[in-house]
Amino acid sequence: MVVIRDPFPRLVEKFGKEIVDLIYRYSEIIGYSVDQDDDLKIEFNPDRPDLFSFPTLVKQIKIYYYGEVEIRRSQSEDENIKVSVSQGSRSIRPYFSAFTADGSSIGSYFDDLIDYQETLHSTIGKNRLKVAIGIHDAEKTGTMIHYRTVSRSVRMETYDGFSGTVDEVLRNHEKGKMYGSLLPDVGRVVAITDEDGEILSLPPVVNSYRSRIDQNTKKFFVDITGTDLNSVKHAHYLLSNFFSSLRYRVRMPNITGIPASEKSSIAAFDYRSIRPRRKNIDRYLGGFLEDEEIIVHLRKMGYVAEPGSPEIVVYVPGYRVDVMGEMDVIEDIMKAKGIENIQEKEIYIGKFGKPIYKNEIKNVIRDVMIGLGFQEVMTFVLTSSVYAEGYTGGVKLLNPKSDDYSVMRDKIYPNLIDLIARNKKHPLPQKIFEIGEKMADGKQISALSCVIADTRSEFSTAKSYLQAFLSRFVKGDLIIEESDVYGAIEGRSGYIKIGNKRIGKIGEIHPEILERFSLTVPVSFFEVDLDRILSIER
């Protein structure tokens, strides 16, 4: 959950009593909680980062209740500022974006800006690992800006007056201690500099005094660096939306040194088009709605919507990073219409159900594994591309919200190893299993995966539990066909066979993999295909 707060009198002074009262009413539409004592405190679900500041929340309230729709199909170019990106910087923090925002003095919204910047750092930025945002006074940066690498011996002065070399800043400054570990331990680090080579910021750590902003700043230069393109893209539009909420003019500088595909990816995200299908709108909203009514609802939620043939065309603003497809759009139509205004329908169930045989077998398998001393767990079917080496699942997400959930898993045991790593402070042995789904060449497979972490967990440990499990379900001799298995030690891994049928894999995890997960005890595993087990004579 994300919480924002501000003294009630200050909010009334900034936005007016009528708007502050609407904050309560709007909570019933969006689904956030409001609490008031001396401060007005709002608690959000994490799915709407565009609302995590009072200025951006008020903008959406005005769109919903007053129809103040701001149509801007693209951000124009700021010809006065140029940015050069070096290849060296891309090898450390590879993704870069920037924009300028100019208007009146930031004034009383200064604290809102800083708070929103830090909220984005901690949420979509994953504490600056994926995204770091630098905000500068554009009247102090000069017109030529460089994103490049600098030596650790170069001197700088941080925004709060700490002077020293880059290395001293990383070792001794408060922000350096917090975020310096995000930079590789090499002789050069990434920096934003002016045309004379003076450091403006040290992503993802700290800004310099040279371009420090204050309440009198009128024109801003914002740099966004990161390790994940989607996160950089999202931060770009979320923060530019903050400035546009305050009537600032937002423009893109002329950036050179990054691939055209990255530029177009960022540009195309703003007002991307989605065509929700009429049959799905009618299905989920309980009946037929006229196109005109649908368009009104969509515009109240901040979309640009136009009649189309056969579907309405919806243009999604870049700051709506939560919208991934037509179901998100239909959900917003429902919110604008009001759930209380959707007609109930009786659900007709024409048949009586009975247990699926495979599910009954899964319940028996659970009992067996628990009897062997294992604990059942459940992990996500979507997993990280880090585990995709030699990937054979055949299903990857085209538009993942995070690289941590970007492929449909083709093996379960890496998830279980990750879970053990997160619980390594618990007593040994740790024996866990999961009955879940995975993909193989685009086909869905039910599998049992078991992982054992103990001071003496080795190949023979996993094999003994495998034998105990199989003795309950299949006839025939167990054969281990030696083979290389992802993440396992060569010579201590292989395919599991009953007769001439392969049913799974077994192995002892390689020390390099254990080190990657910061595990200090041996780990062994086996994973079997339940459909193949059920096809063997029992």
Protein backbone atom coordinates (compact mmCIF):
# COMPACT_ATOMS: atom_id res chain seq x y z
CA MET A 1 0.00 0.00 0.00
CA VAL A 2 1.10 3.57 -0.72
CA VAL A 3 0.20 6.41 1.64
CA ILE A 4 0.19 10.16 0.92
CA ARG A 5 -0.70 12.84 3.45
CA ASP A 6 -0.88 16.61 3.83
CA PRO A 7 -2.36 18.99 6.43
CA PHE A 8 -6.04 19.54 5.67
CA PRO A 9 -5.84 23.38 5.77
CA ARG A 10 -2.94 23.36 3.30
CA LEU A 11 -4.90 21.19 0.86
CA VAL A 12 -7.88 23.55 1.07
CA GLU A 13 -5.55 26.49 0.42
CA LYS A 14 -4.00 24.76 -2.62
CA PHE A 15 -7.04 23.19 -4.25
CA GLY A 16 -10.14 24.66 -2.64
CA LYS A 17 -12.69 23.15 -0.25
CA GLU A 18 -14.89 21.80 -3.05
CA ILE A 19 -12.05 19.74 -4.57
CA VAL A 20 -10.94 18.43 -1.18
CA ASP A 21 -14.51 17.27 -0.50
CA LEU A 22 -14.50 15.48 -3.86
CA ILE A 23 -11.43 13.49 -2.76
CA TYR A 24 -13.79 11.56 -0.46
CA ARG A 25 -16.39 10.95 -3.19
CA TYR A 26 -13.78 9.92 -5.75
CA SER A 27 -12.49 7.24 -3.36
CA GLU A 28 -15.74 5.33 -3.97
CA ILE A 29 -14.99 5.30 -7.71
CA ILE A 30 -11.30 4.32 -7.59
CA GLY A 31 -11.17 2.37 -4.34
CA TYR A 32 -8.73 4.10 -1.99
CA SER A 33 -9.21 4.84 1.71
CA VAL A 34 -9.27 8.34 3.24
CA ASP A 35 -8.55 9.16 6.87
CA GLN A 36 -8.50 12.60 8.48
CA ASP A 37 -7.11 13.95 11.72
CA ASP A 38 -4.82 16.98 11.51
CA ASP A 39 -3.70 15.58 8.16
CA LEU A 40 -5.69 14.15 5.30
CA LYS A 41 -4.22 10.68 4.73
CA ILE A 42 -4.94 8.59 1.64
CA GLU A 43 -3.98 4.93 1.29
CA PHE A 44 -3.81 3.54 -2.26
CA ASN A 45 -3.56 0.09 -3.75
CA PRO A 46 -0.29 -0.13 -5.72
CA ASP A 47 -1.99 -0.40 -9.14
CA ARG A 48 -2.50 3.35 -9.76
CA PRO A 49 0.89 5.09 -9.36
CA ASP A 50 -0.44 8.05 -11.37
CA LEU A 51 -2.53 8.99 -8.31
CA PHE A 52 0.27 8.85 -5.72
CA SER A 53 0.43 12.65 -5.29
CA PHE A 54 -2.20 15.25 -4.50
CA PRO A 55 -1.68 17.28 -7.72
CA THR A 56 -2.12 14.22 -9.97
CA LEU A 57 -5.06 12.95 -7.90
CA VAL A 58 -6.76 16.35 -8.17
CA LYS A 59 -6.17 16.34 -11.94
CA GLN A 60 -8.09 13.06 -12.28
CA ILE A 61 -10.86 14.36 -10.02
CA LYS A 62 -11.28 17.41 -12.25
CA ILE A 63 -11.37 15.19 -15.34
CA TYR A 64 -14.02 12.95 -13.76
CA TYR A 65 -16.32 15.59 -12.29
CA TYR A 66 -15.66 18.63 -14.49
CA GLY A 67 -14.62 17.10 -17.80
CA GLU A 68 -11.22 18.85 -17.85
CA VAL A 69 -9.70 16.47 -20.41
CA GLU A 70 -6.23 17.44 -21.58
CA ILE A 71 -5.61 16.00 -25.05
CA ARG A 72 -1.96 15.82 -25.96
CA ARG A 73 -0.99 13.17 -28.50
CA SER A 74 2.78 13.57 -28.12
CA GLN A 75 5.39 15.58 -26.26
CA SER A 76 6.99 18.18 -28.53
CA GLU A 77 10.75 18.68 -28.75
CA ASP A 78 12.59 21.25 -26.66
CA GLU A 79 15.11 22.52 -29.19
CA ASN A 80 17.03 24.49 -26.56
CA ILE A 81 18.38 21.44 -24.70
CA LYS A 82 20.39 18.59 -26.21
CA VAL A 83 21.46 15.38 -24.48
CA SER A 84 24.25 13.04 -25.57
CA VAL A 85 24.30 9.44 -24.28
CA SER A 86 27.62 7.57 -24.34
CA GLN A 87 27.95 3.84 -24.95
CA GLY A 88 29.96 3.50 -21.74
CA SER A 89 27.01 4.66 -19.66
CA ARG A 90 24.73 2.15 -21.39
CA SER A 91 26.94 -0.70 -20.19
CA ILE A 92 26.20 0.27 -16.56
CA ARG A 93 22.65 1.70 -16.52
CA PRO A 94 21.56 1.05 -20.10
CA TYR A 95 18.25 2.89 -20.39
CA PHE A 96 17.82 6.65 -20.45
CA SER A 97 15.05 9.16 -20.97
CA ALA A 98 14.56 12.84 -20.18
CA PHE A 99 12.12 15.72 -20.48
CA THR A 100 11.86 19.40 -19.63
CA ALA A 101 8.98 21.13 -17.86
CA ASP A 102 8.57 24.89 -17.71
CA GLY A 103 5.94 27.08 -16.12
CA SER A 104 5.59 29.29 -13.06
CA SER A 105 7.63 28.83 -9.86
CA ILE A 106 6.97 25.45 -8.23
CA GLY A 107 6.28 27.22 -4.92
CA SER A 108 4.11 25.30 -2.46
CA TYR A 109 4.15 22.20 -4.69
CA PHE A 110 7.89 21.70 -4.10
CA ASP A 111 7.34 19.15 -1.31
CA ASP A 112 4.74 17.33 -3.43
CA LEU A 113 7.30 16.98 -6.22
CA ILE A 114 10.03 15.58 -3.95
CA ASP A 115 7.59 13.21 -2.22
CA TYR A 116 6.30 11.91 -5.56
CA GLN A 117 9.85 11.42 -6.85
CA GLU A 118 10.70 9.28 -3.81
CA THR A 119 7.41 7.37 -4.07
CA LEU A 120 8.26 6.43 -7.66
CA HIS A 121 11.77 5.44 -6.55
CA SER A 122 10.41 3.05 -3.94
CA THR A 123 7.57 1.59 -6.05
CA ILE A 124 8.24 1.20 -9.77
CA GLY A 125 11.94 1.98 -9.23
CA LYS A 126 12.43 -0.86 -6.71
CA ASN A 127 14.45 1.47 -4.46
CA ARG A 128 16.31 2.91 -7.47
CA LEU A 129 17.51 -0.47 -8.78
CA LYS A 130 15.29 -0.31 -11.87
CA VAL A 131 14.80 3.46 -12.08
CA ALA A 132 16.45 6.57 -10.67
CA ILE A 133 15.10 10.07 -11.29
CA GLY A 134 17.15 13.25 -11.22
CA ILE A 135 15.36 16.62 -11.13
CA HIS A 136 17.39 19.72 -12.03
CA ASP A 137 16.93 23.45 -12.45
CA ALA A 138 17.20 23.71 -16.26
CA GLU A 139 18.36 27.32 -16.02
CA LYS A 140 21.51 26.05 -14.26
CA THR A 141 22.32 22.98 -16.38
CA GLY A 142 23.25 24.67 -19.65
CA THR A 143 21.94 23.60 -23.04
CA MET A 144 24.26 20.62 -23.69
CA ILE A 145 23.98 17.72 -21.26
CA HIS A 146 25.89 14.42 -21.29
CA TYR A 147 25.02 11.02 -19.85
CA ARG A 148 28.43 9.37 -19.66
CA THR A 149 30.93 7.68 -17.38
CA VAL A 150 33.35 9.56 -15.12
CA SER A 151 36.29 8.52 -12.97
CA ARG A 152 35.72 7.96 -9.27
CA SER A 153 38.44 10.56 -8.65
CA VAL A 154 36.39 13.42 -10.17
CA ARG A 155 35.19 15.94 -7.58
CA MET A 156 31.60 17.06 -7.05
CA GLU A 157 29.40 18.86 -4.53
CA THR A 158 26.13 17.15 -3.59
CA TYR A 159 22.79 18.97 -3.33
CA ASP A 160 23.24 19.31 0.46
CA GLY A 161 26.78 20.73 0.29
CA PHE A 162 28.96 17.61 0.76
CA SER A 163 32.17 18.07 -1.26
CA GLY A 164 34.54 15.31 -2.29
CA THR A 165 35.48 12.88 -5.01
CA VAL A 166 32.87 10.59 -6.49
CA ASP A 167 34.41 7.73 -4.53
CA GLU A 168 34.16 9.72 -1.28
CA VAL A 169 30.53 10.57 -2.01
CA LEU A 170 29.72 6.89 -2.57
CA ARG A 171 31.50 5.83 0.62
CA ASN A 172 30.69 8.65 3.04
CA HIS A 173 27.55 10.51 1.97
CA GLU A 174 24.22 9.26 3.37
CA LYS A 175 22.80 8.60 -0.12
CA GLY A 176 26.06 6.99 -1.20
CA LYS A 177 25.85 4.50 1.66
CA MET A 178 22.22 3.73 0.77
CA TYR A 179 22.52 3.39 -3.01
CA GLY A 180 26.21 3.18 -3.91
CA SER A 181 26.02 -0.61 -4.00
CA LEU A 182 23.75 -0.34 -7.06
CA LEU A 183 26.78 0.73 -9.10
CA PRO A 184 29.41 -1.83 -10.16
CA ASP A 185 32.68 -1.77 -8.25
CA VAL A 186 34.77 -0.53 -11.17
CA GLY A 187 36.89 2.54 -11.82
CA ARG A 188 34.21 4.54 -13.61
CA VAL A 189 30.58 5.33 -12.78
CA VAL A 190 27.70 6.90 -14.70
CA ALA A 191 27.02 10.61 -14.33
CA ILE A 192 24.95 13.42 -15.81
CA THR A 193 27.32 16.29 -16.66
CA ASP A 194 27.15 19.69 -18.33
CA GLU A 195 29.16 20.63 -21.41
CA ASP A 196 32.16 21.58 -19.21
CA GLY A 197 32.19 18.15 -17.55
CA GLU A 198 30.82 19.34 -14.20
CA ILE A 199 28.67 16.67 -12.55
CA LEU A 200 24.95 17.46 -12.31
CA SER A 201 23.95 14.11 -10.84
CA LEU A 202 25.32 10.69 -10.03
CA PRO A 203 22.56 8.18 -10.91
CA PRO A 204 21.15 6.37 -9.03
CA VAL A 205 22.68 7.99 -5.96
CA VAL A 206 22.58 11.77 -5.60
CA ASN A 207 22.16 15.12 -7.37
CA SER A 208 24.71 17.92 -7.30
CA TYR A 209 24.48 21.37 -5.75
CA ARG A 210 25.08 22.93 -9.16
CA SER A 211 21.58 22.17 -10.52
CA ARG A 212 19.74 22.07 -7.20
CA ILE A 213 16.04 22.96 -7.36
CA ASP A 214 14.06 25.06 -4.87
CA GLN A 215 10.63 26.66 -4.57
CA ASN A 216 11.60 29.37 -7.06
CA THR A 217 12.53 26.96 -9.88
CA LYS A 218 10.48 27.56 -13.03
CA LYS A 219 12.06 25.27 -15.62
CA PHE A 220 13.03 21.70 -14.82
CA PHE A 221 15.25 19.18 -16.55
CA VAL A 222 14.40 15.62 -15.52
CA ASP A 223 16.67 12.65 -16.26
CA ILE A 224 15.50 9.06 -15.86
CA THR A 225 18.04 6.23 -15.88
CA GLY A 226 17.54 2.56 -15.19
CA THR A 227 18.11 -1.10 -15.83
CA ASP A 228 14.61 -1.88 -17.13
CA LEU A 229 13.15 -0.11 -20.17
CA ASN A 230 9.52 -0.50 -19.11
CA SER A 231 10.23 1.01 -15.70
CA VAL A 232 12.09 3.95 -17.28
CA LYS A 233 9.18 4.45 -19.67
CA HIS A 234 6.65 4.40 -16.83
CA ALA A 235 8.65 6.84 -14.68
CA HIS A 236 8.94 9.22 -17.64
CA TYR A 237 5.19 9.54 -18.12
CA LEU A 238 4.24 9.41 -14.44
CA LEU A 239 6.52 12.32 -13.54
CA SER A 240 5.73 14.31 -16.68
CA ASN A 241 2.05 13.89 -15.73
CA PHE A 242 2.84 15.48 -12.36
CA PHE A 243 4.16 18.58 -14.10
CA SER A 244 1.30 18.73 -16.61
CA SER A 245 -1.11 18.53 -13.65
CA LEU A 246 0.39 21.86 -12.54
CA ARG A 247 0.01 23.33 -16.06
CA TYR A 248 3.69 23.02 -16.93
CA ARG A 249 4.67 22.66 -20.56
CA VAL A 250 6.39 19.27 -20.93
CA ARG A 251 8.77 18.69 -23.84
CA MET A 252 11.42 16.18 -24.92
CA PRO A 253 15.03 17.31 -25.40
CA ASN A 254 16.97 16.24 -28.47
CA ILE A 255 18.59 12.98 -27.30
CA THR A 256 21.36 11.28 -29.29
CA GLY A 257 23.19 8.02 -28.62
CA ILE A 258 20.27 5.72 -27.87
CA PRO A 259 18.73 3.27 -30.38
CA ALA A 260 15.79 4.49 -32.42
CA SER A 261 13.80 1.48 -31.20
CA GLU A 262 14.06 2.68 -27.59
CA LYS A 263 13.03 6.21 -28.54
CA SER A 264 10.04 4.94 -30.48
CA SER A 265 9.10 2.54 -27.67
CA ILE A 266 8.91 5.42 -25.19
CA ALA A 267 7.10 7.73 -27.63
CA ALA A 268 4.59 5.04 -28.69
CA PHE A 269 3.57 4.37 -25.09
CA ASP A 270 1.82 7.74 -24.85
CA TYR A 271 -1.75 7.55 -26.16
CA ARG A 272 -1.30 3.95 -27.29
CA SER A 273 -4.49 2.57 -28.79
CA ILE A 274 -6.70 -0.24 -27.50
CA ARG A 275 -9.94 -1.44 -29.13
CA PRO A 276 -12.15 -3.08 -26.48
CA ARG A 277 -14.45 -5.60 -28.13
CA ARG A 278 -18.15 -4.81 -28.01
CA LYS A 279 -19.11 -8.36 -26.99
CA ASN A 280 -16.83 -8.15 -23.93
CA ILE A 281 -18.12 -4.72 -22.92
CA ASP A 282 -21.71 -5.99 -23.06
CA ARG A 283 -20.80 -9.23 -21.33
CA TYR A 284 -19.06 -7.71 -18.32
CA LEU A 285 -21.32 -4.66 -17.93
CA GLY A 286 -24.52 -6.66 -17.99
CA GLY A 287 -26.15 -5.39 -21.16
CA PHE A 288 -25.93 -3.19 -24.21
CA LEU A 289 -24.52 0.34 -23.90
CA GLU A 290 -24.65 2.90 -26.69
CA ASP A 291 -21.28 3.98 -28.10
CA GLU A 292 -21.93 7.55 -26.98
CA GLU A 293 -22.44 6.44 -23.37
CA ILE A 294 -19.29 4.31 -23.42
CA ILE A 295 -17.24 7.22 -24.80
CA VAL A 296 -18.56 9.53 -22.05
CA HIS A 297 -17.52 7.02 -19.38
CA LEU A 298 -14.07 6.59 -20.92
CA ARG A 299 -13.43 10.32 -21.11
CA LYS A 300 -14.42 10.69 -17.46
CA MET A 301 -11.60 8.23 -16.66
CA GLY A 302 -9.02 10.27 -18.58
CA TYR A 303 -8.94 8.38 -21.88
CA VAL A 304 -9.27 9.83 -25.34
CA ALA A 305 -12.07 7.82 -26.96
CA GLU A 306 -13.42 8.01 -30.49
CA PRO A 307 -16.10 6.12 -32.43
CA GLY A 308 -14.67 3.37 -34.61
CA SER A 309 -15.78 0.55 -36.83
CA PRO A 310 -16.53 -1.98 -35.51
CA GLU A 311 -14.97 -1.12 -32.10
CA ILE A 312 -14.49 2.15 -30.24
CA VAL A 313 -10.87 3.34 -30.37
CA VAL A 314 -9.42 4.15 -26.95
CA TYR A 315 -6.16 6.10 -26.59
CA VAL A 316 -4.43 5.46 -23.27
CA PRO A 317 -2.31 8.31 -21.81
CA GLY A 318 1.26 7.32 -20.97
CA TYR A 319 0.80 7.87 -17.23
CA ARG A 320 -1.82 5.09 -17.08
CA VAL A 321 0.88 2.45 -16.70
CA ASP A 322 -1.63 0.08 -15.11
CA VAL A 323 -3.59 -0.34 -18.36
CA MET A 324 -2.34 -3.42 -20.20
CA GLY A 325 -5.30 -4.45 -22.34
CA GLU A 326 -9.01 -4.27 -23.02
CA MET A 327 -10.07 -5.71 -19.65
CA ASP A 328 -8.46 -2.78 -17.84
CA VAL A 329 -10.37 -0.39 -20.10
CA ILE A 330 -13.65 -2.24 -19.50
CA GLU A 331 -13.02 -2.10 -15.75
CA ASP A 332 -12.71 1.68 -15.97
CA ILE A 333 -15.98 1.89 -17.93
CA MET A 334 -17.56 -0.09 -15.08
CA LYS A 335 -16.11 2.28 -12.45
CA ALA A 336 -17.36 5.35 -14.32
CA LYS A 337 -20.82 3.84 -14.80
CA GLY A 338 -20.94 2.70 -11.18
CA ILE A 339 -21.08 -0.90 -10.04
CA GLU A 340 -24.40 -0.13 -8.34
CA ASN A 341 -25.85 0.72 -11.76
CA ILE A 342 -24.96 -2.61 -13.37
CA GLN A 343 -27.97 -4.90 -13.55
CA GLU A 344 -27.71 -8.23 -11.79
CA LYS A 345 -28.18 -11.40 -13.79
CA GLU A 346 -29.01 -14.86 -12.57
CA ILE A 347 -26.26 -17.35 -13.31
CA TYR A 348 -27.69 -20.54 -14.79
CA ILE A 349 -25.74 -23.69 -14.04
CA GLY A 350 -27.17 -26.47 -16.15
CA LYS A 351 -25.12 -29.39 -14.88
CA PHE A 352 -23.90 -30.94 -11.66
CA GLY A 353 -20.16 -31.14 -11.22
CA LYS A 354 -17.98 -33.99 -10.10
CA PRO A 355 -14.32 -34.13 -9.06
CA ILE A 356 -11.77 -34.34 -11.88
CA TYR A 357 -9.81 -37.57 -11.58
CA LYS A 358 -6.44 -35.85 -11.89
CA ASN A 359 -7.32 -33.45 -9.09
CA GLU A 360 -8.22 -36.36 -6.83
CA ILE A 361 -4.83 -37.91 -7.58
CA LYS A 362 -3.16 -34.58 -6.77
CA ASN A 363 -4.80 -34.65 -3.34
CA VAL A 364 -3.40 -38.14 -2.75
CA ILE A 365 0.05 -36.92 -3.86
CA ARG A 366 -0.20 -34.06 -1.35
CA ASP A 367 -0.92 -36.52 1.45
CA VAL A 368 2.05 -38.67 0.43
CA MET A 369 4.47 -35.73 0.31
CA ILE A 370 3.27 -34.36 3.63
CA GLY A 371 3.72 -37.85 5.06
CA LEU A 372 7.34 -37.74 3.85
CA GLY A 373 7.87 -34.55 5.87
CA PHE A 374 7.47 -31.97 3.11
CA GLN A 375 5.57 -28.70 3.31
CA GLU A 376 3.44 -27.57 0.37
CA VAL A 377 4.04 -24.15 -1.16
CA MET A 378 2.64 -22.20 -4.11
CA THR A 379 4.71 -19.91 -6.31
CA PHE A 380 3.89 -17.77 -9.35
CA VAL A 381 3.43 -19.39 -12.75
CA LEU A 382 4.96 -16.24 -14.23
CA THR A 383 8.64 -16.02 -13.44
CA SER A 384 11.81 -14.09 -14.25
CA SER A 385 13.66 -14.25 -17.54
CA VAL A 386 16.73 -14.84 -15.34
CA TYR A 387 15.52 -18.45 -15.19
CA ALA A 388 14.93 -18.59 -18.95
CA GLU A 389 18.36 -19.98 -19.89
CA GLY A 390 17.64 -22.84 -22.26
CA TYR A 391 13.98 -21.88 -22.04
CA THR A 392 11.62 -24.42 -23.63
CA GLY A 393 8.24 -23.19 -22.39
CA GLY A 394 7.35 -21.36 -25.56
CA VAL A 395 5.33 -18.60 -23.84
CA LYS A 396 6.86 -15.19 -23.12
CA LEU A 397 4.96 -12.00 -22.28
CA LEU A 398 5.19 -9.26 -24.90
CA ASN A 399 4.41 -6.46 -22.43
CA PRO A 400 5.48 -7.59 -18.93
CA LYS A 401 4.94 -5.13 -16.08
CA SER A 402 8.20 -6.37 -14.60
CA ASP A 403 11.07 -8.56 -15.75
CA ASP A 404 10.46 -10.59 -12.59
CA TYR A 405 7.24 -11.89 -14.20
CA SER A 406 8.02 -12.03 -17.91
CA VAL A 407 7.86 -15.73 -18.91
CA MET A 408 5.58 -18.68 -18.22
CA ARG A 409 7.81 -21.05 -16.30
CA ASP A 410 9.06 -24.22 -17.96
CA LYS A 411 10.41 -25.62 -14.68
CA ILE A 412 9.25 -25.15 -11.09
CA TYR A 413 12.31 -25.94 -8.98
CA PRO A 414 14.06 -22.55 -9.53
CA ASN A 415 11.03 -20.89 -7.90
CA LEU A 416 11.34 -23.24 -4.94
CA ILE A 417 15.07 -22.56 -4.59
CA ASP A 418 14.29 -18.83 -4.60
CA LEU A 419 11.69 -19.42 -1.88
CA ILE A 420 14.20 -21.32 0.25
CA ALA A 421 16.69 -18.48 -0.22
CA ARG A 422 14.10 -16.03 1.10
CA ASN A 423 13.56 -18.25 4.15
CA LYS A 424 17.14 -19.33 4.82
CA LYS A 425 16.97 -18.09 8.44
CA HIS A 426 14.48 -20.85 9.24
CA PRO A 427 15.74 -24.13 10.76
CA LEU A 428 17.05 -26.96 8.59
CA PRO A 429 16.15 -29.21 6.95
CA GLN A 430 13.81 -27.31 4.66
CA LYS A 431 11.74 -29.69 2.53
CA ILE A 432 9.13 -28.12 0.27
CA PHE A 433 7.03 -29.26 -2.68
CA GLU A 434 4.67 -27.71 -5.19
CA ILE A 435 2.06 -29.26 -7.44
CA GLY A 436 1.62 -26.73 -10.20
CA GLU A 437 1.50 -25.88 -13.85
CA LYS A 438 4.39 -25.24 -16.24
CA MET A 439 4.84 -24.94 -19.99
CA ALA A 440 6.70 -27.17 -22.45
CA ASP A 441 6.80 -26.15 -26.10
CA GLY A 442 3.62 -24.13 -25.63
CA LYS A 443 1.72 -26.94 -23.88
CA GLN A 444 0.55 -26.79 -20.27
CA ILE A 445 1.82 -29.56 -17.99
CA SER A 446 1.00 -30.49 -14.39
CA ALA A 447 4.11 -31.29 -12.39
CA LEU A 448 5.32 -32.15 -8.91
CA SER A 449 8.52 -30.40 -7.85
CA CYS A 450 10.37 -31.15 -4.59
CA VAL A 451 13.39 -29.37 -3.13
CA ILE A 452 15.45 -30.35 -0.09
CA ALA A 453 17.89 -27.97 1.62
CA ASP A 454 20.01 -29.48 4.39
CA THR A 455 23.62 -29.77 5.53
CA ARG A 456 23.81 -33.20 3.86
CA SER A 457 21.34 -32.77 1.00
CA GLU A 458 22.84 -34.45 -2.05
CA PHE A 459 21.78 -36.37 -5.12
CA SER A 460 21.10 -39.53 -3.10
CA THR A 461 18.83 -37.54 -0.75
CA ALA A 462 16.54 -36.47 -3.57
CA LYS A 463 16.64 -39.97 -5.06
CA SER A 464 15.54 -41.60 -1.80
CA TYR A 465 12.49 -39.33 -1.55
CA LEU A 466 11.75 -39.90 -5.24
CA GLN A 467 11.78 -43.68 -4.71
CA ALA A 468 9.46 -43.35 -1.72
CA PHE A 469 7.05 -41.23 -3.74
CA LEU A 470 7.06 -43.43 -6.87
CA SER A 471 6.52 -46.62 -4.86
CA ARG A 472 3.01 -45.38 -4.11
CA PHE A 473 2.03 -44.64 -7.69
CA VAL A 474 3.82 -46.71 -10.35
CA LYS A 475 5.13 -50.16 -11.10
CA GLY A 476 8.45 -50.72 -12.79
CA ASP A 477 12.09 -50.04 -12.07
CA LEU A 478 13.37 -46.52 -11.47
CA ILE A 479 16.21 -45.56 -13.83
CA ILE A 480 18.29 -42.37 -13.67
CA GLU A 481 19.66 -41.53 -17.10
CA GLU A 482 22.69 -39.30 -16.49
CA SER A 483 22.36 -35.96 -18.29
CA ASP A 484 23.01 -32.25 -17.84
CA VAL A 485 20.11 -30.53 -16.07
CA TYR A 486 19.76 -26.77 -15.72
CA GLY A 487 21.33 -25.58 -12.47
CA ALA A 488 22.60 -29.01 -11.39
CA ILE A 489 26.09 -30.45 -10.93
CA GLU A 490 27.37 -32.41 -13.92
CA GLY A 491 27.44 -36.10 -13.07
CA ARG A 492 24.93 -35.63 -10.25
CA SER A 493 21.86 -35.03 -12.35
CA GLY A 494 19.77 -36.71 -14.99
CA TYR A 495 16.42 -37.76 -16.39
CA ILE A 496 14.03 -39.86 -14.33
CA LYS A 497 12.75 -42.91 -16.24
CA ILE A 498 10.30 -45.68 -15.49
CA GLY A 499 11.03 -48.39 -18.02
CA ASN A 500 11.71 -46.50 -21.23
CA LYS A 501 9.51 -43.49 -20.40
CA ARG A 502 11.01 -40.22 -19.18
CA ILE A 503 8.91 -38.68 -16.43
CA GLY A 504 11.10 -35.91 -15.02
CA LYS A 505 14.47 -34.61 -13.83
CA ILE A 506 16.59 -34.94 -10.69
CA GLY A 507 19.78 -33.33 -9.51
CA GLU A 508 22.00 -31.69 -6.93
CA ILE A 509 22.17 -27.91 -7.33
CA HIS A 510 25.48 -26.48 -8.56
CA PRO A 511 27.47 -24.33 -6.06
CA GLU A 512 27.40 -21.40 -8.51
CA ILE A 513 23.60 -21.40 -8.40
CA LEU A 514 23.65 -21.66 -4.61
CA GLU A 515 25.99 -18.68 -4.46
CA ARG A 516 23.68 -16.69 -6.75
CA PHE A 517 20.89 -17.27 -4.23
CA SER A 518 23.23 -16.65 -1.24
CA LEU A 519 22.63 -20.19 0.02
CA THR A 520 25.33 -21.87 2.12
CA VAL A 521 23.85 -25.38 2.40
CA PRO A 522 23.52 -28.08 -0.28
CA VAL A 523 20.21 -28.32 -2.15
CA SER A 524 18.83 -31.23 -4.18
CA PHE A 525 15.59 -31.64 -6.09
CA PHE A 526 13.42 -33.74 -8.34
CA GLU A 527 10.59 -32.71 -10.66
CA VAL A 528 8.17 -35.11 -12.36
CA ASP A 529 5.42 -34.81 -14.97
CA LEU A 530 2.17 -35.97 -13.34
CA ASP A 531 0.42 -36.73 -16.64
CA ARG A 532 3.20 -39.15 -17.60
CA ILE A 533 3.10 -40.79 -14.18
CA LEU A 534 -0.66 -41.32 -14.51
CA SER A 535 -0.15 -42.94 -17.92
CA ILE A 536 2.08 -45.65 -16.42
CA GLU A 537 0.54 -48.88 -15.18
CA ARG A 538 -0.15 -48.70 -11.46
